[in-house]
Protein backbone atom coordinates (compact mmCIF):
# COMPACT_ATOMS: atom_id res chain seq x y z
CA ASP A 1 23.99 -45.74 -35.54
CA GLY A 2 20.68 -47.51 -34.98
CA THR A 3 22.35 -50.32 -33.07
CA ILE A 4 24.30 -47.92 -30.90
CA ALA A 5 21.16 -45.83 -30.30
CA SER A 6 19.32 -48.95 -29.13
CA LEU A 7 22.20 -49.77 -26.75
CA TYR A 8 22.01 -46.30 -25.26
CA ALA A 9 18.24 -46.56 -24.89
CA ALA A 10 18.52 -49.97 -23.24
CA ARG A 11 21.14 -48.73 -20.82
CA ALA A 12 18.94 -45.67 -20.06
CA ASP A 13 16.10 -48.07 -19.17
CA ALA A 14 18.39 -49.98 -16.81
CA LEU A 15 19.64 -46.76 -15.18
CA ILE A 16 16.02 -45.60 -14.56
CA ARG A 17 15.28 -48.92 -12.85
CA ALA A 18 18.44 -48.48 -10.78
CA GLY A 19 17.24 -45.04 -9.59
CA ARG A 20 19.76 -43.02 -11.60
CA PRO A 21 17.55 -40.75 -13.76
CA SER A 22 20.25 -38.14 -14.49
CA ALA A 23 22.58 -40.76 -15.98
CA ALA A 24 19.62 -42.26 -17.83
CA GLU A 25 18.78 -38.88 -19.36
CA ARG A 26 22.36 -38.56 -20.69
CA ASP A 27 22.17 -41.96 -22.39
CA ALA A 28 18.73 -41.15 -23.80
CA ASN A 29 20.04 -37.84 -25.15
CA ALA A 30 22.84 -39.73 -26.91
CA ALA A 31 20.26 -42.16 -28.41
CA VAL A 32 18.09 -39.29 -29.68
CA ALA A 33 21.12 -37.59 -31.19
CA LEU A 34 22.01 -40.77 -33.09
CA ASN A 35 18.47 -41.51 -34.31
CA ARG A 36 15.79 -38.86 -34.05
CA ASP A 37 13.10 -41.25 -35.31
CA TYR A 38 13.73 -43.83 -32.58
CA GLY A 39 10.66 -43.94 -30.36
CA ARG A 40 12.27 -45.78 -27.47
CA ALA A 41 14.97 -43.08 -27.16
CA TYR A 42 12.24 -40.48 -26.51
CA ARG A 43 10.40 -42.91 -24.19
CA GLU A 44 13.44 -43.45 -21.96
CA ARG A 45 14.29 -39.76 -21.94
CA GLY A 46 10.73 -38.94 -21.00
CA ARG A 47 10.73 -41.49 -18.21
CA ALA A 48 14.05 -40.11 -16.92
CA ARG A 49 12.71 -36.55 -16.93
CA LEU A 50 9.54 -37.70 -15.21
CA ALA A 51 11.70 -39.13 -12.42
CA LEU A 52 13.53 -35.81 -12.28
CA THR A 53 10.14 -34.01 -11.85
CA ARG A 54 10.58 -32.06 -15.10
CA TYR A 55 7.04 -32.81 -16.05
CA ASP A 56 6.49 -30.60 -19.10
CA GLU A 57 9.68 -31.84 -20.78
CA ALA A 58 8.79 -35.44 -19.88
CA ALA A 59 5.29 -35.10 -21.35
CA SER A 60 6.72 -33.65 -24.59
CA ASP A 61 9.19 -36.59 -25.00
CA LEU A 62 6.56 -39.19 -24.16
CA ARG A 63 4.06 -37.73 -26.63
CA GLN A 64 6.79 -37.99 -29.29
CA ALA A 65 7.50 -41.57 -28.26
CA CYS A 66 3.82 -42.53 -28.56
CA ALA A 67 3.63 -40.89 -31.96
CA LEU A 68 6.66 -42.80 -33.26
CA ASP A 69 6.20 -46.17 -31.57
CA TRP A 70 3.27 -46.46 -29.15
CA ASP A 71 3.49 -48.88 -26.25
CA GLU A 72 1.82 -49.23 -22.85
CA VAL A 73 4.91 -48.14 -20.91
CA ALA A 74 5.16 -44.85 -22.81
CA ALA A 75 1.39 -44.30 -22.61
CA GLU A 76 1.28 -44.84 -18.82
CA ALA A 77 4.32 -42.62 -18.27
CA LEU A 78 2.69 -39.93 -20.43
CA ARG A 79 -0.50 -40.07 -18.36
CA ARG A 80 1.49 -39.56 -15.15
CA ALA A 81 3.57 -36.78 -16.64
CA GLU A 82 0.49 -34.89 -17.82
CA VAL A 83 -1.23 -35.20 -14.40
CA HIS A 84 1.83 -33.81 -12.65
CA ALA A 85 2.26 -31.09 -15.28
CA ARG A 86 -1.33 -29.88 -14.75
CA ARG A 87 -0.80 -29.82 -10.94
CA THR A 88 2.42 -27.92 -11.35
CA THR A 89 0.78 -25.40 -13.69
CA HIS A 90 -2.14 -24.93 -11.29
CA ALA A 91 0.23 -24.41 -8.33
CA SER A 92 2.30 -21.94 -10.35
CA SER A 93 -0.79 -19.99 -11.37
CA ARG A 94 -2.04 -19.87 -7.78
CA ARG A 95 1.36 -18.71 -6.56
CA ALA A 96 1.50 -16.07 -9.30
CA ARG A 97 -1.97 -14.78 -8.31
CA LYS A 98 -0.92 -14.63 -4.66
CA GLU A 99 2.27 -12.74 -5.52
CA ALA A 100 0.32 -10.28 -7.68
CA LYS A 101 -2.16 -9.67 -4.86
CA GLU A 102 0.71 -9.00 -2.45
CA ARG A 103 2.28 -6.57 -4.92
CA ASP A 104 -1.07 -4.77 -5.23
CA LYS A 105 -1.33 -4.50 -1.44
CA VAL A 106 2.17 -3.06 -1.21
CA ALA A 107 1.49 -0.57 -4.02
CA LEU A 108 -1.79 0.48 -2.35
CA ARG A 109 -0.07 0.97 1.03
CA GLN A 110 2.72 2.99 -0.54
CA ARG A 111 0.20 5.15 -2.45
CA ARG A 112 -1.80 5.85 0.75
CA GLU A 113 1.40 6.70 2.66
CA ALA A 114 2.43 9.06 -0.12
CA GLU A 115 -1.02 10.72 -0.08
CA GLN A 116 -0.88 11.12 3.72
CA ALA A 117 2.61 12.59 3.53
CA ALA A 118 1.50 15.03 0.83
CA ALA A 119 -1.53 16.06 2.92
CA LEU A 120 0.69 16.66 5.95
CA ARG A 121 3.09 18.77 3.88
CA ARG A 122 0.17 20.85 2.61
CA ALA A 123 -1.16 21.33 6.14
CA GLU A 124 2.26 22.40 7.35
CA ALA A 125 2.61 24.82 4.47
CA VAL A 126 -0.82 26.35 5.26
CA ALA A 127 0.09 26.64 8.93
CA VAL A 128 3.36 28.42 8.10
CA TYR A 129 1.54 30.73 5.69
CA GLU A 130 -1.12 31.60 8.29
CA ALA A 131 1.53 32.25 10.92
CA LYS A 132 3.39 34.52 8.54
CA LYS A 133 0.17 36.46 7.76
CA ALA A 134 -0.55 36.84 11.48
CA GLU A 135 2.97 38.12 12.11
CA GLU A 136 2.65 40.62 9.27
CA ALA A 137 -0.70 41.80 10.67
CA ARG A 138 0.83 42.31 14.12
CA ASN A 139 3.69 44.28 12.60
CA ARG A 140 1.31 46.52 10.70
CA ASN A 141 -0.88 47.14 13.75
CA LYS A 142 1.61 48.99 15.89
CA ALA A 143 -0.92 51.33 17.50
CA PRO A 144 -1.39 50.61 21.23
CA ALA A 145 -4.61 48.91 22.18
CA PRO A 146 -7.10 51.03 24.19
CA SER A 147 -7.17 50.48 27.93
CA PRO A 148 -9.79 47.88 28.88
CA ALA A 149 -12.86 48.84 30.79
CA PRO A 150 -13.15 47.60 34.39
CA GLY A 151 -13.73 43.83 34.45
CA MET A 152 -12.48 43.25 30.89
CA LEU A 153 -9.41 41.29 29.82
CA PRO A 154 -6.66 43.27 28.07
CA GLY A 155 -6.93 43.33 24.29
CA MET A 156 -10.76 43.02 24.21
CA GLY A 157 -12.76 45.41 22.03
CA LEU A 158 -16.24 44.73 23.40
CA GLY A 159 -17.67 45.45 26.86
CA THR A 160 -19.06 41.96 27.45
CA ARG A 161 -18.21 40.10 30.66
CA ASP A 162 -19.31 36.71 29.23
CA GLY A 163 -16.57 34.08 29.73
CA VAL A 164 -16.79 32.79 26.12
CA ASP A 165 -16.35 36.23 24.63
CA ASP A 166 -13.53 37.05 27.08
CA GLU A 167 -11.43 34.06 26.15
CA LEU A 168 -12.00 34.07 22.42
CA ASN A 169 -11.60 37.80 21.95
CA ALA A 170 -8.46 37.84 24.10
CA VAL A 171 -6.80 35.41 21.69
CA LEU A 172 -8.19 37.10 18.55
CA ALA A 173 -7.02 40.49 19.80
CA ARG A 174 -3.48 39.19 20.14
CA ARG A 175 -3.62 38.25 16.44
CA GLY A 176 -4.77 41.72 15.50
CA MET A 177 -8.44 40.78 14.85
CA ALA A 178 -11.43 42.80 15.91
CA ALA A 179 -13.54 41.61 18.86
CA ARG A 180 -16.90 40.00 18.23
CA SER A 181 -19.71 38.55 20.35
CA PHE A 182 -19.78 34.78 20.37
CA ALA A 183 -22.02 34.17 23.43
CA SER A 184 -25.18 34.31 21.30
CA ASP A 185 -24.08 31.25 19.29
CA PRO A 186 -25.22 28.16 21.28
CA GLU A 187 -22.94 25.77 19.36
CA ILE A 188 -19.86 27.84 20.25
CA VAL A 189 -20.96 28.17 23.87
CA ASP A 190 -21.57 24.43 24.18
CA ALA A 191 -18.25 23.60 22.56
CA MET A 192 -16.36 25.97 24.90
CA ALA A 193 -17.81 24.02 27.83
CA ASP A 194 -15.66 21.06 26.72
CA ALA A 195 -12.31 21.79 28.36
CA GLU A 196 -10.25 19.67 25.93
CA LEU A 197 -11.97 21.07 22.81
CA LYS A 198 -11.66 24.65 24.16
CA ALA A 199 -7.94 24.17 24.79
CA LYS A 200 -7.41 22.90 21.21
CA LEU A 201 -9.40 25.80 19.76
CA LEU A 202 -7.54 28.47 21.69
CA SER A 203 -4.22 26.83 20.84
CA CYS A 204 -5.01 26.86 17.10
CA LEU A 205 -6.24 30.44 17.17
CA GLU A 206 -3.06 31.45 18.98
CA ASP A 207 -0.76 29.48 16.70
CA PRO A 208 -2.17 28.19 13.36
CA ARG A 209 0.73 25.72 13.10
CA GLN A 210 -1.04 23.67 15.78
CA LEU A 211 -3.56 22.69 13.08
CA VAL A 212 -1.07 20.13 11.81
CA ARG A 213 -1.50 18.18 15.06
CA HIS A 214 -5.32 18.26 14.85
CA GLN A 215 -5.93 17.96 11.11
CA ARG A 216 -8.11 14.88 11.59
CA ASP A 217 -10.25 16.36 14.36
CA LYS A 218 -13.47 17.16 12.46
CA LYS A 219 -15.21 18.62 15.53
CA LEU A 220 -12.37 21.05 16.14
CA LEU A 221 -12.13 22.05 12.47
CA GLY A 222 -15.88 22.70 12.33
CA LEU A 223 -15.77 24.81 15.48
CA LEU A 224 -12.79 26.77 14.21
CA GLU A 225 -14.54 27.52 10.96
CA ARG A 226 -17.67 28.67 12.87
CA VAL A 227 -15.62 30.96 15.14
CA LEU A 228 -13.72 32.53 12.23
CA THR A 229 -16.91 32.95 10.22
CA ARG A 230 -18.59 34.75 13.10
CA GLN A 231 -15.50 36.89 13.73
CA GLN A 232 -15.65 38.10 10.14
CA GLN A 233 -19.29 39.18 10.47
CA ARG A 234 -19.97 42.86 11.12
């Protein structure tokens, strides 16, 4: 068995030199199977695996070869295998970190999208609820509104001719809310001078479902809260 193992190992060496590492590995495997204490069998298998870029396996075989029968060929091959193995490990670790970072980014994006979708659903539910409340209030308030005084818009409950009061109270009256004076609030008056902001405010007062479209407009939400707070004051 020892003689046959040495023949397999010698042929493996020749195959490595001929650029046929896969065939060399098969012969080296046969040599190891015949004699597990034969250092050259491990050396040739390690060199074959080094040529096949299987660096960790090559380093393991070459360490075994050096432990059984040290020589310069095995030692040099082991040094090269360990260098390549470290580089491969470093590259694998870097790739794993990059993949983990990408997974974290995807998870964060999905979590934010889920939170935004949930916020939108809540806003839609609030808008539907407010619209339902307004409809119920209109159904309860079936008494005809008093005729407006000269110069007043229909549905107004106060005698002011101020443009801000006219527009706001006209919308609030259609929702069954009592009229209030808003002209004394400078912030409301200034905001109503902004045509775009005024249009958004009147739209949301008329139909609360419009809040879904403007849920990120902090200026509008603050103005709406101020108007509703003032409307509730006696």
